[in-house]
Amino acid sequence: MQHRIDDIPLRSGGTTGRLFVTNFSAVGPDPQKALDRVGASSMACMLTPREIELRYPEYSQWLDAHSDESSSPRALWLPTPDGGVTNDAPVLELVETVVAALDRGEHVLVHCGAGMARTAVIGMLTMIAFGADPATAAIDFRAARPGGGPDGPPQEQQIARLTPKARRLRPGS
């Protein structure tokens, strides 16, 4: 069975990069195959070490091996508890890294466990950086990834807090 990988629309022109989102089952068994499937150069993981250990423990080795590529790492990892958030600064740093890759014309694949909530935080903030307002980002994300979106007030509040900063990541968007 091939798991869904969804293409998230970026409303702003001027980039050929594409943002994709999916679940852990699509990437855990073979991360490189998942990247190749959509032509992505990097993958952002939102899972905690325990979640990885329980399902695809070898995936942590792939993350470790590919996160040290200093100029352009293929693995970006921001452990975030299921249904929760992590500190704002690392979230914004991850979004900034994703936006920069997209602006270089690269494709980025983002995932959490189901590819719905934690992934939506990164996806929606990236969409906002590309000029979408938060309401439109939510609608467009859910249209591209049915069932996706923030998982309650902590994630909704984090998106709201970081929206002004995300908007400044791409001047002119």
N, C-alpha and C. Protein backbone atom coordinates (compact mmCIF):
# COMPACT_ATOMS: atom_id res chain seq x y z
N MET A 1 0.84 -1.19 0.00
CA MET A 1 0.00 0.00 0.00
C MET A 1 0.88 1.25 0.00
N GLN A 2 0.59 2.14 -0.92
CA GLN A 2 1.34 3.38 -0.99
C GLN A 2 0.54 4.46 -0.26
N HIS A 3 1.17 5.09 0.74
CA HIS A 3 0.50 6.10 1.54
C HIS A 3 0.47 7.44 0.81
N ARG A 4 -0.53 8.23 1.14
CA ARG A 4 -0.70 9.55 0.53
C ARG A 4 0.45 10.48 0.85
N ILE A 5 0.84 11.20 -0.15
CA ILE A 5 1.72 12.36 0.03
C ILE A 5 1.00 13.49 -0.69
N ASP A 6 0.67 14.54 0.06
CA ASP A 6 -0.14 15.63 -0.50
C ASP A 6 0.70 16.87 -0.78
N ASP A 7 0.37 17.51 -1.87
CA ASP A 7 1.01 18.74 -2.34
C ASP A 7 0.25 19.92 -1.75
N ILE A 8 0.93 20.75 -0.98
CA ILE A 8 0.30 21.89 -0.32
C ILE A 8 0.50 23.14 -1.18
N PRO A 9 -0.58 23.83 -1.52
CA PRO A 9 -0.45 24.98 -2.42
C PRO A 9 0.20 26.19 -1.76
N LEU A 10 1.12 26.78 -2.49
CA LEU A 10 1.74 28.04 -2.07
C LEU A 10 1.22 29.10 -3.01
N ARG A 11 0.52 30.08 -2.49
CA ARG A 11 -0.17 31.06 -3.32
C ARG A 11 0.74 32.08 -3.98
N SER A 12 1.89 32.31 -3.41
CA SER A 12 2.77 33.34 -3.94
C SER A 12 3.58 32.80 -5.12
N GLY A 13 3.68 33.61 -6.15
CA GLY A 13 4.52 33.22 -7.27
C GLY A 13 5.99 33.41 -6.92
N GLY A 14 6.82 33.15 -7.87
CA GLY A 14 8.24 33.39 -7.67
C GLY A 14 9.00 32.23 -7.07
N THR A 15 8.36 31.09 -6.87
CA THR A 15 9.08 29.92 -6.39
C THR A 15 8.67 28.71 -7.20
N THR A 16 9.62 27.87 -7.45
CA THR A 16 9.31 26.60 -8.11
C THR A 16 9.34 25.46 -7.10
N GLY A 17 9.70 25.77 -5.85
CA GLY A 17 9.70 24.76 -4.81
C GLY A 17 8.29 24.34 -4.47
N ARG A 18 8.17 23.10 -4.02
CA ARG A 18 6.86 22.57 -3.65
C ARG A 18 6.92 21.98 -2.25
N LEU A 19 5.83 22.16 -1.52
CA LEU A 19 5.70 21.66 -0.16
C LEU A 19 4.79 20.45 -0.16
N PHE A 20 5.29 19.35 0.38
CA PHE A 20 4.52 18.12 0.47
C PHE A 20 4.38 17.72 1.94
N VAL A 21 3.27 17.06 2.27
CA VAL A 21 3.05 16.57 3.63
C VAL A 21 2.56 15.13 3.58
N THR A 22 2.88 14.39 4.64
CA THR A 22 2.46 13.00 4.69
C THR A 22 2.52 12.48 6.12
N ASN A 23 2.33 11.17 6.26
CA ASN A 23 2.38 10.54 7.58
C ASN A 23 3.67 9.72 7.72
N PHE A 24 3.90 9.24 8.92
CA PHE A 24 5.13 8.51 9.21
C PHE A 24 5.20 7.18 8.46
N SER A 25 4.06 6.56 8.23
CA SER A 25 4.06 5.29 7.51
C SER A 25 4.56 5.44 6.08
N ALA A 26 4.42 6.61 5.51
CA ALA A 26 4.88 6.85 4.14
C ALA A 26 6.39 7.03 4.06
N VAL A 27 7.01 7.47 5.16
CA VAL A 27 8.44 7.77 5.12
C VAL A 27 9.28 6.85 6.00
N GLY A 28 8.74 6.34 7.08
CA GLY A 28 9.50 5.56 8.05
C GLY A 28 10.24 4.36 7.49
N PRO A 29 9.58 3.53 6.66
CA PRO A 29 10.28 2.34 6.16
C PRO A 29 11.43 2.66 5.21
N ASP A 30 11.30 3.72 4.42
CA ASP A 30 12.33 4.05 3.42
C ASP A 30 12.29 5.56 3.14
N PRO A 31 12.98 6.35 3.96
CA PRO A 31 12.93 7.81 3.80
C PRO A 31 13.38 8.28 2.42
N GLN A 32 14.42 7.67 1.88
CA GLN A 32 14.92 8.11 0.58
C GLN A 32 13.89 7.83 -0.51
N LYS A 33 13.22 6.72 -0.43
CA LYS A 33 12.18 6.40 -1.41
C LYS A 33 11.05 7.43 -1.36
N ALA A 34 10.68 7.86 -0.16
CA ALA A 34 9.64 8.88 -0.02
C ALA A 34 10.10 10.20 -0.63
N LEU A 35 11.34 10.59 -0.36
CA LEU A 35 11.87 11.83 -0.96
C LEU A 35 11.88 11.72 -2.48
N ASP A 36 12.35 10.59 -2.98
CA ASP A 36 12.41 10.39 -4.43
C ASP A 36 11.03 10.42 -5.07
N ARG A 37 10.05 9.91 -4.37
CA ARG A 37 8.68 9.84 -4.91
C ARG A 37 8.15 11.22 -5.31
N VAL A 38 8.54 12.25 -4.56
CA VAL A 38 8.06 13.61 -4.87
C VAL A 38 9.18 14.54 -5.32
N GLY A 39 10.38 14.00 -5.47
CA GLY A 39 11.51 14.83 -5.90
C GLY A 39 11.96 15.82 -4.85
N ALA A 40 11.76 15.48 -3.58
CA ALA A 40 12.13 16.38 -2.49
C ALA A 40 13.61 16.24 -2.14
N SER A 41 14.20 17.36 -1.76
CA SER A 41 15.60 17.35 -1.35
C SER A 41 15.74 17.23 0.15
N SER A 42 14.69 17.55 0.90
CA SER A 42 14.79 17.46 2.36
C SER A 42 13.46 17.05 2.96
N MET A 43 13.56 16.53 4.19
CA MET A 43 12.39 16.07 4.92
C MET A 43 12.42 16.66 6.32
N ALA A 44 11.29 17.18 6.76
CA ALA A 44 11.16 17.71 8.11
C ALA A 44 10.29 16.75 8.92
N CYS A 45 10.82 16.29 10.02
CA CYS A 45 10.17 15.33 10.90
C CYS A 45 9.75 16.03 12.19
N MET A 46 8.51 15.82 12.60
CA MET A 46 7.98 16.44 13.82
C MET A 46 7.79 15.42 14.95
N LEU A 47 8.24 14.19 14.76
CA LEU A 47 8.01 13.13 15.74
C LEU A 47 8.97 13.20 16.92
N THR A 48 8.53 12.66 18.04
CA THR A 48 9.40 12.52 19.20
C THR A 48 10.24 11.25 19.02
N PRO A 49 11.38 11.17 19.72
CA PRO A 49 12.19 9.94 19.61
C PRO A 49 11.39 8.68 19.97
N ARG A 50 10.52 8.78 20.96
CA ARG A 50 9.73 7.61 21.38
C ARG A 50 8.80 7.14 20.27
N GLU A 51 8.16 8.06 19.56
CA GLU A 51 7.27 7.68 18.46
C GLU A 51 8.05 6.95 17.37
N ILE A 52 9.24 7.43 17.10
CA ILE A 52 10.07 6.78 16.08
C ILE A 52 10.47 5.38 16.54
N GLU A 53 10.91 5.29 17.78
CA GLU A 53 11.35 4.02 18.35
C GLU A 53 10.25 2.96 18.31
N LEU A 54 9.01 3.37 18.54
CA LEU A 54 7.90 2.42 18.57
C LEU A 54 7.53 1.87 17.20
N ARG A 55 7.77 2.63 16.14
CA ARG A 55 7.29 2.20 14.82
C ARG A 55 8.39 1.86 13.83
N TYR A 56 9.34 2.74 13.64
CA TYR A 56 10.42 2.53 12.68
C TYR A 56 11.73 2.99 13.31
N PRO A 57 12.29 2.21 14.23
CA PRO A 57 13.47 2.67 14.97
C PRO A 57 14.67 3.01 14.07
N GLU A 58 14.79 2.36 12.92
CA GLU A 58 15.90 2.65 12.02
C GLU A 58 15.81 4.05 11.42
N TYR A 59 14.63 4.64 11.44
CA TYR A 59 14.45 5.98 10.90
C TYR A 59 15.29 7.02 11.66
N SER A 60 15.46 6.81 12.96
CA SER A 60 16.29 7.76 13.74
C SER A 60 17.73 7.77 13.25
N GLN A 61 18.21 6.63 12.79
CA GLN A 61 19.56 6.57 12.23
C GLN A 61 19.64 7.40 10.94
N TRP A 62 18.60 7.32 10.12
CA TRP A 62 18.57 8.11 8.89
C TRP A 62 18.55 9.60 9.24
N LEU A 63 17.74 9.98 10.22
CA LEU A 63 17.70 11.38 10.64
C LEU A 63 19.07 11.85 11.10
N ASP A 64 19.71 11.06 11.95
CA ASP A 64 21.04 11.43 12.45
C ASP A 64 22.06 11.55 11.33
N ALA A 65 22.02 10.62 10.41
CA ALA A 65 23.01 10.60 9.32
C ALA A 65 22.83 11.77 8.36
N HIS A 66 21.60 12.26 8.21
CA HIS A 66 21.34 13.29 7.20
C HIS A 66 21.06 14.68 7.78
N SER A 67 21.14 14.82 9.09
CA SER A 67 20.92 16.14 9.67
C SER A 67 22.21 16.90 9.86
N ASP A 68 23.34 16.25 9.69
CA ASP A 68 24.63 16.89 9.88
C ASP A 68 25.22 17.49 8.61
N GLU A 69 24.49 17.43 7.53
CA GLU A 69 24.97 18.00 6.27
C GLU A 69 24.79 19.51 6.38
N SER A 70 25.82 20.18 6.88
CA SER A 70 25.72 21.57 7.34
C SER A 70 25.18 22.56 6.31
N SER A 71 25.61 22.50 5.09
CA SER A 71 25.17 23.52 4.13
C SER A 71 23.73 23.30 3.70
N SER A 72 23.30 22.06 3.59
CA SER A 72 21.93 21.78 3.16
C SER A 72 21.51 20.40 3.66
N PRO A 73 21.10 20.32 4.93
CA PRO A 73 20.73 19.01 5.47
C PRO A 73 19.48 18.45 4.80
N ARG A 74 19.47 17.14 4.60
CA ARG A 74 18.28 16.49 4.04
C ARG A 74 17.27 16.18 5.13
N ALA A 75 17.72 16.07 6.37
CA ALA A 75 16.84 15.75 7.49
C ALA A 75 16.76 16.94 8.44
N LEU A 76 15.55 17.41 8.65
CA LEU A 76 15.28 18.48 9.60
C LEU A 76 14.38 17.85 10.67
N TRP A 77 14.77 17.97 11.93
CA TRP A 77 14.03 17.26 12.97
C TRP A 77 13.69 18.21 14.10
N LEU A 78 12.40 18.34 14.37
CA LEU A 78 11.92 19.14 15.48
C LEU A 78 10.94 18.30 16.29
N PRO A 79 11.44 17.53 17.28
CA PRO A 79 10.55 16.69 18.08
C PRO A 79 9.48 17.53 18.76
N THR A 80 8.24 17.14 18.52
CA THR A 80 7.08 17.87 19.05
C THR A 80 6.08 16.83 19.56
N PRO A 81 5.58 17.00 20.78
CA PRO A 81 4.65 16.00 21.31
C PRO A 81 3.35 15.94 20.50
N ASP A 82 2.83 14.75 20.36
CA ASP A 82 1.58 14.54 19.63
C ASP A 82 0.48 15.40 20.24
N GLY A 83 -0.18 16.19 19.41
CA GLY A 83 -1.25 17.06 19.87
C GLY A 83 -0.75 18.33 20.53
N GLY A 84 0.57 18.51 20.61
CA GLY A 84 1.11 19.66 21.32
C GLY A 84 1.95 20.56 20.43
N VAL A 85 2.72 21.37 21.11
CA VAL A 85 3.61 22.31 20.43
C VAL A 85 4.98 22.24 21.09
N THR A 86 5.94 22.80 20.43
CA THR A 86 7.26 22.98 21.01
C THR A 86 7.51 24.49 21.05
N ASN A 87 8.63 24.90 21.57
CA ASN A 87 8.91 26.33 21.70
C ASN A 87 8.81 27.05 20.36
N ASP A 88 8.36 28.30 20.41
CA ASP A 88 8.15 29.08 19.20
C ASP A 88 9.43 29.28 18.38
N ALA A 89 10.55 29.56 19.02
CA ALA A 89 11.78 29.87 18.28
C ALA A 89 12.21 28.73 17.36
N PRO A 90 12.28 27.48 17.82
CA PRO A 90 12.66 26.41 16.90
C PRO A 90 11.63 26.16 15.80
N VAL A 91 10.35 26.38 16.10
CA VAL A 91 9.31 26.22 15.07
C VAL A 91 9.55 27.25 13.97
N LEU A 92 9.76 28.49 14.36
CA LEU A 92 9.99 29.54 13.37
C LEU A 92 11.29 29.28 12.60
N GLU A 93 12.31 28.78 13.27
CA GLU A 93 13.57 28.44 12.59
C GLU A 93 13.35 27.35 11.55
N LEU A 94 12.54 26.34 11.89
CA LEU A 94 12.25 25.28 10.93
C LEU A 94 11.48 25.84 9.73
N VAL A 95 10.47 26.66 10.00
CA VAL A 95 9.70 27.27 8.92
C VAL A 95 10.62 28.10 8.03
N GLU A 96 11.52 28.85 8.64
CA GLU A 96 12.46 29.66 7.87
C GLU A 96 13.34 28.79 6.97
N THR A 97 13.78 27.66 7.48
CA THR A 97 14.59 26.73 6.70
C THR A 97 13.78 26.15 5.54
N VAL A 98 12.54 25.78 5.81
CA VAL A 98 11.66 25.25 4.75
C VAL A 98 11.42 26.31 3.69
N VAL A 99 11.11 27.54 4.10
CA VAL A 99 10.86 28.63 3.16
C VAL A 99 12.08 28.89 2.29
N ALA A 100 13.26 28.90 2.90
CA ALA A 100 14.49 29.14 2.14
C ALA A 100 14.71 28.04 1.10
N ALA A 101 14.45 26.80 1.48
CA ALA A 101 14.60 25.69 0.52
C ALA A 101 13.60 25.84 -0.63
N LEU A 102 12.37 26.17 -0.30
CA LEU A 102 11.36 26.36 -1.35
C LEU A 102 11.74 27.51 -2.27
N ASP A 103 12.27 28.58 -1.70
CA ASP A 103 12.70 29.72 -2.51
C ASP A 103 13.88 29.38 -3.43
N ARG A 104 14.65 28.37 -3.04
CA ARG A 104 15.74 27.90 -3.91
C ARG A 104 15.24 26.95 -4.99
N GLY A 105 13.93 26.69 -4.97
CA GLY A 105 13.34 25.79 -5.96
C GLY A 105 13.34 24.33 -5.54
N GLU A 106 13.68 24.07 -4.29
CA GLU A 106 13.71 22.70 -3.79
C GLU A 106 12.31 22.29 -3.32
N HIS A 107 12.09 20.99 -3.28
CA HIS A 107 10.84 20.45 -2.73
C HIS A 107 11.14 19.93 -1.32
N VAL A 108 10.19 20.13 -0.42
CA VAL A 108 10.35 19.73 0.97
C VAL A 108 9.16 18.86 1.37
N LEU A 109 9.44 17.78 2.08
CA LEU A 109 8.42 16.86 2.58
C LEU A 109 8.38 16.97 4.10
N VAL A 110 7.21 17.27 4.66
CA VAL A 110 7.04 17.43 6.11
C VAL A 110 6.11 16.33 6.61
N HIS A 111 6.44 15.76 7.77
CA HIS A 111 5.57 14.72 8.32
C HIS A 111 5.60 14.73 9.85
N CYS A 112 4.53 14.18 10.39
CA CYS A 112 4.46 13.82 11.81
C CYS A 112 3.91 12.40 11.83
N GLY A 113 3.17 12.03 12.84
CA GLY A 113 2.64 10.67 12.88
C GLY A 113 1.59 10.42 11.81
N ALA A 114 0.56 11.25 11.79
CA ALA A 114 -0.52 11.11 10.82
C ALA A 114 -0.42 12.12 9.68
N GLY A 115 0.47 13.09 9.82
CA GLY A 115 0.59 14.13 8.79
C GLY A 115 -0.56 15.11 8.84
N MET A 116 -1.12 15.30 9.99
CA MET A 116 -2.31 16.14 10.12
C MET A 116 -2.09 17.40 10.94
N ALA A 117 -1.74 17.28 12.21
CA ALA A 117 -1.76 18.42 13.12
C ALA A 117 -0.39 19.11 13.26
N ARG A 118 0.61 18.39 13.76
CA ARG A 118 1.93 19.00 13.89
C ARG A 118 2.44 19.42 12.51
N THR A 119 2.18 18.60 11.52
CA THR A 119 2.55 18.92 10.14
C THR A 119 1.81 20.17 9.68
N ALA A 120 0.56 20.32 10.09
CA ALA A 120 -0.23 21.49 9.70
C ALA A 120 0.37 22.78 10.27
N VAL A 121 0.92 22.73 11.46
CA VAL A 121 1.53 23.93 12.04
C VAL A 121 2.65 24.42 11.11
N ILE A 122 3.54 23.52 10.71
CA ILE A 122 4.64 23.90 9.83
C ILE A 122 4.10 24.27 8.45
N GLY A 123 3.19 23.48 7.94
CA GLY A 123 2.62 23.75 6.63
C GLY A 123 1.90 25.08 6.55
N MET A 124 1.06 25.36 7.52
CA MET A 124 0.30 26.60 7.50
C MET A 124 1.20 27.82 7.69
N LEU A 125 2.18 27.73 8.58
CA LEU A 125 3.10 28.85 8.76
C LEU A 125 3.92 29.09 7.49
N THR A 126 4.26 28.02 6.79
CA THR A 126 4.96 28.17 5.51
C THR A 126 4.05 28.84 4.50
N MET A 127 2.80 28.43 4.45
CA MET A 127 1.83 29.05 3.54
C MET A 127 1.67 30.54 3.85
N ILE A 128 1.65 30.87 5.13
CA ILE A 128 1.54 32.27 5.56
C ILE A 128 2.78 33.05 5.12
N ALA A 129 3.94 32.43 5.23
CA ALA A 129 5.17 33.09 4.77
C ALA A 129 5.10 33.39 3.27
N PHE A 130 4.38 32.57 2.54
CA PHE A 130 4.22 32.77 1.10
C PHE A 130 3.02 33.63 0.76
N GLY A 131 2.44 34.30 1.76
CA GLY A 131 1.43 35.30 1.49
C GLY A 131 0.00 34.95 1.82
N ALA A 132 -0.28 33.74 2.25
CA ALA A 132 -1.65 33.38 2.61
C ALA A 132 -2.01 33.99 3.96
N ASP A 133 -3.24 34.40 4.12
CA ASP A 133 -3.69 34.80 5.45
C ASP A 133 -4.02 33.51 6.21
N PRO A 134 -4.04 33.55 7.55
CA PRO A 134 -4.23 32.32 8.32
C PRO A 134 -5.51 31.55 7.98
N ALA A 135 -6.61 32.25 7.75
CA ALA A 135 -7.86 31.56 7.44
C ALA A 135 -7.76 30.83 6.10
N THR A 136 -7.18 31.49 5.11
CA THR A 136 -7.01 30.87 3.80
C THR A 136 -6.04 29.70 3.89
N ALA A 137 -4.97 29.86 4.67
CA ALA A 137 -4.01 28.76 4.85
C ALA A 137 -4.71 27.54 5.44
N ALA A 138 -5.57 27.76 6.42
CA ALA A 138 -6.30 26.64 7.04
C ALA A 138 -7.20 25.95 6.02
N ILE A 139 -7.92 26.73 5.25
CA ILE A 139 -8.83 26.16 4.23
C ILE A 139 -8.03 25.39 3.18
N ASP A 140 -6.97 26.02 2.67
CA ASP A 140 -6.18 25.38 1.62
C ASP A 140 -5.45 24.14 2.12
N PHE A 141 -4.96 24.19 3.37
CA PHE A 141 -4.28 23.01 3.92
C PHE A 141 -5.26 21.86 4.03
N ARG A 142 -6.44 22.13 4.56
CA ARG A 142 -7.45 21.07 4.73
C ARG A 142 -7.94 20.55 3.38
N ALA A 143 -8.01 21.41 2.39
CA ALA A 143 -8.42 20.95 1.06
C ALA A 143 -7.37 20.02 0.46
N ALA A 144 -6.10 20.31 0.69
CA ALA A 144 -5.02 19.48 0.15
C ALA A 144 -4.79 18.23 0.99
N ARG A 145 -5.03 18.33 2.29
CA ARG A 145 -4.79 17.22 3.22
C ARG A 145 -6.06 17.02 4.05
N PRO A 146 -7.07 16.34 3.48
CA PRO A 146 -8.35 16.18 4.18
C PRO A 146 -8.16 15.66 5.61
N GLY A 147 -8.80 16.34 6.54
CA GLY A 147 -8.67 15.99 7.95
C GLY A 147 -7.53 16.70 8.65
N GLY A 148 -6.68 17.37 7.88
CA GLY A 148 -5.52 18.04 8.45
C GLY A 148 -5.88 19.39 9.04
N GLY A 149 -5.06 19.83 9.96
CA GLY A 149 -5.24 21.14 10.59
C GLY A 149 -4.77 21.08 12.02
N PRO A 150 -4.68 22.22 12.64
CA PRO A 150 -4.23 22.26 14.04
C PRO A 150 -5.11 21.38 14.93
N ASP A 151 -4.48 20.79 15.93
CA ASP A 151 -5.15 19.87 16.84
C ASP A 151 -5.47 20.56 18.16
N GLY A 152 -6.28 21.60 18.11
CA GLY A 152 -6.70 22.25 19.32
C GLY A 152 -6.03 23.59 19.58
N PRO A 153 -6.43 24.22 20.68
CA PRO A 153 -5.96 25.58 21.00
C PRO A 153 -4.45 25.77 21.06
N PRO A 154 -3.65 24.87 21.65
CA PRO A 154 -2.21 25.16 21.69
C PRO A 154 -1.60 25.35 20.29
N GLN A 155 -1.96 24.50 19.35
CA GLN A 155 -1.42 24.63 18.00
C GLN A 155 -2.02 25.84 17.28
N GLU A 156 -3.31 26.08 17.46
CA GLU A 156 -3.95 27.27 16.87
C GLU A 156 -3.31 28.54 17.40
N GLN A 157 -3.06 28.58 18.70
CA GLN A 157 -2.44 29.76 19.31
C GLN A 157 -1.01 29.95 18.84
N GLN A 158 -0.28 28.85 18.64
CA GLN A 158 1.09 28.97 18.15
C GLN A 158 1.10 29.56 16.74
N ILE A 159 0.21 29.10 15.89
CA ILE A 159 0.12 29.66 14.54
C ILE A 159 -0.20 31.15 14.62
N ALA A 160 -1.15 31.52 15.47
CA ALA A 160 -1.52 32.93 15.62
C ALA A 160 -0.34 33.76 16.12
N ARG A 161 0.40 33.24 17.11
CA ARG A 161 1.55 33.97 17.65
C ARG A 161 2.65 34.17 16.62
N LEU A 162 2.86 33.14 15.79
CA LEU A 162 3.98 33.18 14.85
C LEU A 162 3.62 33.76 13.49
N THR A 163 2.34 34.03 13.26
CA THR A 163 1.93 34.59 11.96
C THR A 163 2.68 35.87 11.61
N PRO A 164 2.79 36.87 12.50
CA PRO A 164 3.51 38.09 12.11
C PRO A 164 4.97 37.82 11.73
N LYS A 165 5.61 36.92 12.44
CA LYS A 165 7.02 36.60 12.13
C LYS A 165 7.13 35.81 10.84
N ALA A 166 6.19 34.89 10.61
CA ALA A 166 6.20 34.10 9.37
C ALA A 166 6.02 35.02 8.17
N ARG A 167 5.18 36.02 8.30
CA ARG A 167 4.94 36.95 7.18
C ARG A 167 6.22 37.70 6.79
N ARG A 168 7.12 37.88 7.75
CA ARG A 168 8.36 38.63 7.48
C ARG A 168 9.47 37.75 6.90
N LEU A 169 9.23 36.45 6.78
CA LEU A 169 10.27 35.56 6.27
C LEU A 169 10.53 35.75 4.77
N ARG A 170 9.53 36.25 4.07
CA ARG A 170 9.65 36.49 2.63
C ARG A 170 9.17 37.92 2.35
N PRO A 171 10.04 38.88 2.41
CA PRO A 171 9.63 40.26 2.13
C PRO A 171 8.97 40.34 0.76
N GLY A 172 7.88 41.07 0.72
CA GLY A 172 7.15 41.25 -0.54
C GLY A 172 6.08 40.23 -0.79
N SER A 173 5.93 39.22 0.10
CA SER A 173 4.88 38.20 -0.10
C SER A 173 3.56 38.71 0.42
